[in-house]
């Protein structure tokens, strides 16, 4: 059985607990966890509470580490996990700046065999994966993307561009490719009663993405629309399930599997492969870090280009 360690037991940490517990194969379990000193008390059946994440790593209490902590702690935890030979799955954003991601990447270069995965959750959605498949099957030349990811809060210790932006940017980059040249267009940030909204254009290869993200909306929105070659694909995560993915206005059937189930499955498979082979290289092992760096670079660029906020 794969022993998983959990660092962070907040709202998203609770989702990992539930997701691991309901896996039908029962080939993995959370066997240890650590929480912040000011976090609420949590009991996980069959799991031991450690003093902190260092105790988990120093004691080799697990086979793979789930890092579900605030982003300002990610670099330190993941770097130590890799040095300890411990595969890690870390929540987005991987770090607060591109420089921090580069610093982590340099550390990870010293341990190239140890896998580090980044949970860009929408990349594991059956709707997004089917959308990518259809783009390939239809031989679509993507010309335009409209990506809207907005909500009413939450307010965090870092900007909502860092909170919301990785979702939309990771989908754009995963669809169009990291090798394509990128050019940032106009960017603006607008303050609202609820928070802030960011809008910017991003050219990736021959496609233009119009992106709107932030915590300052009056209602939640999650739309990823792709156009080109006479076709339009729309992934709307807030529609009824059988209408979440549309091709030219018509529903497309997809699996009803929850993205986090797939995240956990793929991490468990990666940890199992690492245990057998002693290495997981290439996109499976480090592809998420490369993507996270590209996301961080774009967010840094948007932040640097922002005009004076408008009312």
Protein backbone atom coordinates (compact mmCIF):
# COMPACT_ATOMS: atom_id res chain seq x y z
CA UNK A 1 0.00 0.00 0.00
CA UNK A 2 1.14 3.55 -0.77
CA UNK A 3 1.49 5.61 2.39
CA UNK A 4 0.55 9.26 1.87
CA UNK A 5 1.52 12.13 4.15
CA UNK A 6 -0.67 15.24 4.25
CA UNK A 7 0.69 18.69 5.12
CA UNK A 8 -2.18 21.13 5.59
CA UNK A 9 -5.66 20.15 6.77
CA UNK A 10 -7.68 23.22 5.79
CA UNK A 11 -10.62 23.22 3.39
CA UNK A 12 -8.67 21.77 0.48
CA UNK A 13 -6.79 19.39 2.75
CA UNK A 14 -10.15 18.03 3.88
CA UNK A 15 -11.00 17.32 0.25
CA UNK A 16 -7.86 15.27 -0.11
CA UNK A 17 -8.78 13.30 3.00
CA UNK A 18 -12.22 12.53 1.56
CA UNK A 19 -10.84 11.72 -1.89
CA UNK A 20 -8.20 9.28 -0.66
CA UNK A 21 -10.72 7.62 1.67
CA UNK A 22 -13.21 6.89 -1.12
CA UNK A 23 -10.73 5.34 -3.57
CA UNK A 24 -12.22 1.94 -4.51
CA UNK A 25 -8.87 0.18 -4.91
CA UNK A 26 -7.76 0.91 -1.33
CA UNK A 27 -4.12 0.79 -2.48
CA UNK A 28 -3.26 4.08 -0.75
CA UNK A 29 -4.07 5.76 2.53
CA UNK A 30 -3.14 8.88 4.45
CA UNK A 31 -1.00 7.47 7.24
CA UNK A 32 0.38 10.69 8.73
CA UNK A 33 -0.39 14.41 8.68
CA UNK A 34 0.77 17.74 10.00
CA UNK A 35 -1.26 20.87 10.56
CA UNK A 36 -0.50 24.48 11.36
CA UNK A 37 -0.43 25.34 15.05
CA UNK A 38 -3.50 27.56 14.69
CA UNK A 39 -5.45 25.08 12.54
CA UNK A 40 -8.48 23.30 13.91
CA UNK A 41 -7.98 19.88 15.44
CA UNK A 42 -8.42 17.07 12.92
CA UNK A 43 -8.56 13.32 13.31
CA UNK A 44 -7.83 11.07 10.33
CA UNK A 45 -8.64 7.39 10.97
CA UNK A 46 -5.49 5.30 10.90
CA UNK A 47 -3.19 8.33 10.56
CA UNK A 48 -0.57 9.63 12.97
CA UNK A 49 -0.29 13.38 13.62
CA UNK A 50 3.27 14.65 13.28
CA UNK A 51 4.63 17.79 14.88
CA UNK A 52 5.33 19.35 11.49
CA UNK A 53 6.29 18.43 7.92
CA UNK A 54 9.95 18.08 8.88
CA UNK A 55 9.06 15.25 11.24
CA UNK A 56 7.28 13.46 8.39
CA UNK A 57 10.27 13.77 6.07
CA UNK A 58 12.97 13.07 8.67
CA UNK A 59 11.10 9.99 9.88
CA UNK A 60 10.28 8.73 6.36
CA UNK A 61 6.70 8.33 7.59
CA UNK A 62 5.22 8.10 4.11
CA UNK A 63 5.93 7.26 0.47
CA UNK A 64 4.50 10.44 -1.05
CA UNK A 65 3.69 13.90 0.33
CA UNK A 66 0.55 15.95 -0.33
CA UNK A 67 1.40 19.63 0.17
CA UNK A 68 -1.79 21.63 0.78
CA UNK A 69 -0.40 24.65 2.60
CA UNK A 70 -0.27 28.39 1.79
CA UNK A 71 1.91 29.07 -1.28
CA UNK A 72 4.60 30.95 0.63
CA UNK A 73 5.57 27.61 2.23
CA UNK A 74 5.59 25.45 -0.93
CA UNK A 75 9.17 26.02 -2.08
CA UNK A 76 10.73 25.08 1.27
CA UNK A 77 8.59 21.98 1.78
CA UNK A 78 8.95 20.65 -1.77
CA UNK A 79 12.70 21.29 -1.84
CA UNK A 80 13.17 19.34 1.39
CA UNK A 81 10.88 16.55 0.16
CA UNK A 82 12.92 16.12 -3.02
CA UNK A 83 16.17 16.13 -1.03
CA UNK A 84 14.70 13.38 1.15
CA UNK A 85 13.78 11.35 -1.95
CA UNK A 86 10.07 11.91 -1.30
CA UNK A 87 7.68 12.42 -4.25
CA UNK A 88 5.39 15.41 -3.72
CA UNK A 89 2.08 16.67 -5.03
CA UNK A 90 1.74 20.39 -4.36
CA UNK A 91 -1.23 22.70 -4.76
CA UNK A 92 -1.15 25.70 -7.08
CA UNK A 93 0.33 28.25 -7.16
CA UNK A 94 3.67 26.51 -6.82
CA UNK A 95 5.19 29.76 -5.52
CA UNK A 96 4.43 33.46 -5.24
CA UNK A 97 6.86 34.60 -7.96
CA UNK A 98 8.66 33.20 -10.98
CA UNK A 99 12.00 33.76 -9.23
CA UNK A 100 10.88 31.46 -6.42
CA UNK A 101 9.84 28.77 -8.94
CA UNK A 102 13.23 29.08 -10.68
CA UNK A 103 14.99 28.76 -7.32
CA UNK A 104 13.02 25.60 -6.60
CA UNK A 105 13.71 24.26 -10.08
CA UNK A 106 17.46 24.68 -9.50
CA UNK A 107 17.16 22.70 -6.27
CA UNK A 108 15.10 20.02 -8.01
CA UNK A 109 17.77 19.73 -10.70
CA UNK A 110 19.95 18.16 -8.00
CA UNK A 111 17.37 15.38 -7.50
CA UNK A 112 16.09 14.73 -11.06
CA UNK A 113 14.76 11.27 -10.27
CA UNK A 114 12.26 12.40 -7.62
CA UNK A 115 8.83 13.32 -9.06
CA UNK A 116 7.12 16.60 -8.17
CA UNK A 117 3.58 17.15 -9.45
CA UNK A 118 1.63 20.42 -9.33
CA UNK A 119 -2.15 20.26 -8.93
CA UNK A 120 -3.51 22.52 -11.66
CA UNK A 121 -6.92 21.01 -11.01
CA UNK A 122 -8.72 21.89 -14.25
CA UNK A 123 -6.14 19.95 -16.28
CA UNK A 124 -7.58 16.83 -14.63
CA UNK A 125 -11.19 17.69 -15.47
CA UNK A 126 -12.81 15.20 -17.88
CA UNK A 127 -14.33 18.17 -19.74
CA UNK A 128 -10.97 19.85 -20.34
CA UNK A 129 -9.31 16.59 -21.34
CA UNK A 130 -12.10 15.86 -23.79
CA UNK A 131 -11.82 19.42 -25.14
CA UNK A 132 -8.10 18.83 -25.82
CA UNK A 133 -8.91 15.54 -27.50
CA UNK A 134 -11.51 17.17 -29.76
CA UNK A 135 -9.13 19.98 -30.73
CA UNK A 136 -6.73 17.28 -31.96
CA UNK A 137 -9.40 15.11 -33.61
CA UNK A 138 -10.93 18.07 -35.45
CA UNK A 139 -7.47 19.33 -36.41
CA UNK A 140 -8.54 22.69 -35.04
CA UNK A 141 -6.18 25.59 -35.45
CA UNK A 142 -6.97 27.50 -32.27
CA UNK A 143 -7.40 31.18 -33.05
CA UNK A 144 -9.03 32.57 -29.93
CA UNK A 145 -9.63 31.61 -26.31
CA UNK A 146 -11.97 33.29 -23.85
CA UNK A 147 -11.16 32.24 -20.30
CA UNK A 148 -13.15 33.61 -17.37
CA UNK A 149 -12.50 32.48 -13.81
CA UNK A 150 -14.08 34.80 -11.26
CA UNK A 151 -15.70 34.52 -7.87
CA UNK A 152 -16.96 36.48 -4.91
CA UNK A 153 -13.87 36.19 -2.70
CA UNK A 154 -12.05 34.66 -1.00
CA UNK A 155 -9.66 37.32 0.24
CA UNK A 156 -6.21 35.86 0.88
CA UNK A 157 -2.81 37.16 1.91
CA UNK A 158 -1.80 37.32 -1.77
CA UNK A 159 -3.49 38.75 -4.85
CA UNK A 160 -6.49 37.05 -6.43
CA UNK A 161 -4.48 37.03 -9.68
CA UNK A 162 -2.23 34.45 -8.00
CA UNK A 163 -5.25 32.61 -6.62
CA UNK A 164 -7.42 32.46 -9.76
CA UNK A 165 -4.95 33.04 -12.59
CA UNK A 166 -3.15 29.66 -12.52
CA UNK A 167 -6.39 27.88 -13.43
CA UNK A 168 -6.92 29.80 -16.64
CA UNK A 169 -3.27 30.13 -17.61
CA UNK A 170 -2.53 26.44 -17.06
CA UNK A 171 -5.40 25.49 -19.39
CA UNK A 172 -4.26 27.94 -22.08
CA UNK A 173 -0.65 26.78 -21.91
CA UNK A 174 -1.47 23.08 -21.68
CA UNK A 175 -3.71 23.34 -24.74
CA UNK A 176 -1.40 25.45 -26.90
CA UNK A 177 1.99 24.23 -25.68
CA UNK A 178 4.81 25.65 -23.60
CA UNK A 179 7.12 25.84 -26.62
CA UNK A 180 4.95 28.45 -28.35
CA UNK A 181 6.16 32.07 -28.10
CA UNK A 182 4.14 34.25 -25.74
CA UNK A 183 3.41 37.97 -25.79
CA UNK A 184 1.39 39.83 -23.19
CA UNK A 185 -1.05 42.48 -24.37
CA UNK A 186 -2.87 45.18 -22.41
CA UNK A 187 -3.60 44.42 -18.75
CA UNK A 188 -5.74 46.14 -16.16
CA UNK A 189 -7.00 45.59 -12.63
CA UNK A 190 -10.29 46.97 -11.36
CA UNK A 191 -11.28 47.22 -7.71
CA UNK A 192 -14.84 46.17 -6.80
CA UNK A 193 -16.84 45.91 -3.60
CA UNK A 194 -15.94 42.22 -3.34
CA UNK A 195 -12.27 42.38 -4.31
CA UNK A 196 -10.42 42.80 -7.60
CA UNK A 197 -10.78 41.75 -11.22
CA UNK A 198 -7.88 41.33 -13.64
CA UNK A 199 -8.25 41.42 -17.41
CA UNK A 200 -5.48 40.87 -19.96
CA UNK A 201 -4.78 39.49 -23.42
CA UNK A 202 -2.11 36.89 -24.03
CA UNK A 203 -0.87 35.79 -27.43
CA UNK A 204 0.42 32.20 -27.48
CA UNK A 205 1.73 31.23 -30.89
CA UNK A 206 -0.99 32.13 -33.38
CA UNK A 207 -3.81 32.25 -30.81
CA UNK A 208 -5.00 35.09 -28.61
CA UNK A 209 -6.39 34.40 -25.14
CA UNK A 210 -8.68 36.93 -23.49
CA UNK A 211 -8.44 36.27 -19.76
CA UNK A 212 -10.53 37.64 -16.91
CA UNK A 213 -9.89 36.43 -13.36
CA UNK A 214 -10.24 37.55 -9.77
CA UNK A 215 -12.26 37.54 -6.57
CA UNK A 216 -14.23 40.73 -7.26
CA UNK A 217 -17.19 39.39 -9.24
CA UNK A 218 -20.83 39.56 -8.20
CA UNK A 219 -21.26 35.86 -9.02
CA UNK A 220 -19.03 32.88 -9.77
CA UNK A 221 -17.96 32.26 -13.38
CA UNK A 222 -15.87 29.44 -14.86
CA UNK A 223 -15.75 29.43 -18.67
CA UNK A 224 -13.08 28.25 -21.11
CA UNK A 225 -14.13 28.81 -24.74
CA UNK A 226 -11.91 27.85 -27.68
CA UNK A 227 -12.57 28.95 -31.28
CA UNK A 228 -10.88 28.18 -34.57
CA UNK A 229 -11.28 26.39 -37.88
CA UNK A 230 -15.02 27.00 -37.93
CA UNK A 231 -15.60 25.29 -34.57
CA UNK A 232 -16.22 26.44 -31.02
CA UNK A 233 -15.65 24.36 -27.90
CA UNK A 234 -16.94 25.67 -24.58
CA UNK A 235 -16.17 24.21 -21.15
CA UNK A 236 -18.45 25.84 -18.56
CA UNK A 237 -17.88 24.26 -15.17
CA UNK A 238 -20.99 25.86 -13.66
CA UNK A 239 -23.55 24.48 -16.10
CA UNK A 240 -25.57 21.30 -15.58
CA UNK A 241 -23.30 18.27 -15.91
CA UNK A 242 -24.51 17.17 -19.35
CA UNK A 243 -23.97 20.71 -20.67
CA UNK A 244 -20.55 21.44 -19.20
CA UNK A 245 -18.83 20.78 -22.54
CA UNK A 246 -20.34 21.98 -25.81
CA UNK A 247 -19.09 21.54 -29.38
CA UNK A 248 -20.68 24.10 -31.70
CA UNK A 249 -23.50 24.47 -29.18
CA UNK A 250 -24.17 20.75 -28.81
CA UNK A 251 -23.45 18.79 -25.59
CA UNK A 252 -20.52 16.39 -25.58
CA UNK A 253 -20.70 13.29 -23.38
CA UNK A 254 -17.84 12.94 -20.87
CA UNK A 255 -17.04 10.97 -17.75
CA UNK A 256 -18.54 12.19 -14.48
CA UNK A 257 -15.30 11.54 -12.62
CA UNK A 258 -14.23 14.27 -10.19
CA UNK A 259 -10.94 15.97 -11.11
CA UNK A 260 -9.45 15.47 -7.66
CA UNK A 261 -10.04 11.70 -7.94
CA UNK A 262 -7.87 11.74 -11.06
CA UNK A 263 -5.24 13.93 -9.37
CA UNK A 264 -4.90 11.47 -6.51
CA UNK A 265 -4.95 8.42 -8.80
CA UNK A 266 -2.17 9.80 -10.98
CA UNK A 267 -0.06 10.79 -7.98
CA UNK A 268 -0.47 7.35 -6.39
CA UNK A 269 0.51 5.73 -9.71
CA UNK A 270 3.55 8.02 -9.92
CA UNK A 271 4.64 7.17 -6.37
CA UNK A 272 4.20 3.46 -7.09
CA UNK A 273 6.31 3.77 -10.25
CA UNK A 274 8.98 5.66 -8.30
CA UNK A 275 9.07 2.91 -5.67
CA UNK A 276 9.53 0.26 -8.37
CA UNK A 277 11.93 2.05 -10.70
CA UNK A 278 13.65 4.54 -8.41
CA UNK A 279 13.04 7.36 -10.90
CA UNK A 280 10.24 9.14 -12.75
CA UNK A 281 11.56 11.50 -15.40
CA UNK A 282 10.14 13.66 -18.18
CA UNK A 283 6.64 15.21 -18.26
CA UNK A 284 5.23 12.72 -15.75
CA UNK A 285 7.88 13.56 -13.17
CA UNK A 286 8.45 17.31 -13.63
CA UNK A 287 6.08 18.59 -16.33
CA UNK A 288 3.95 20.40 -13.77
CA UNK A 289 6.93 22.40 -12.52
CA UNK A 290 7.75 23.62 -16.03
CA UNK A 291 4.12 24.62 -16.51
CA UNK A 292 4.03 26.34 -13.10
CA UNK A 293 7.08 28.39 -14.07
CA UNK A 294 5.41 29.59 -17.27
CA UNK A 295 2.27 30.48 -15.29
CA UNK A 296 4.33 32.40 -12.71
CA UNK A 297 6.23 34.30 -15.42
CA UNK A 298 2.98 35.48 -17.01
CA UNK A 299 1.52 36.52 -13.65
CA UNK A 300 4.70 38.46 -12.87
CA UNK A 301 4.46 40.17 -16.27
CA UNK A 302 0.80 41.11 -15.72
CA UNK A 303 1.58 42.46 -12.26
CA UNK A 304 4.42 44.56 -13.64
CA UNK A 305 2.32 45.97 -16.45
CA UNK A 306 -0.78 46.91 -14.51
CA UNK A 307 -2.13 50.40 -14.97
CA UNK A 308 -3.52 52.46 -12.10
CA UNK A 309 -6.67 50.69 -10.80
CA UNK A 310 -9.93 52.22 -11.94
CA UNK A 311 -13.05 52.62 -9.86
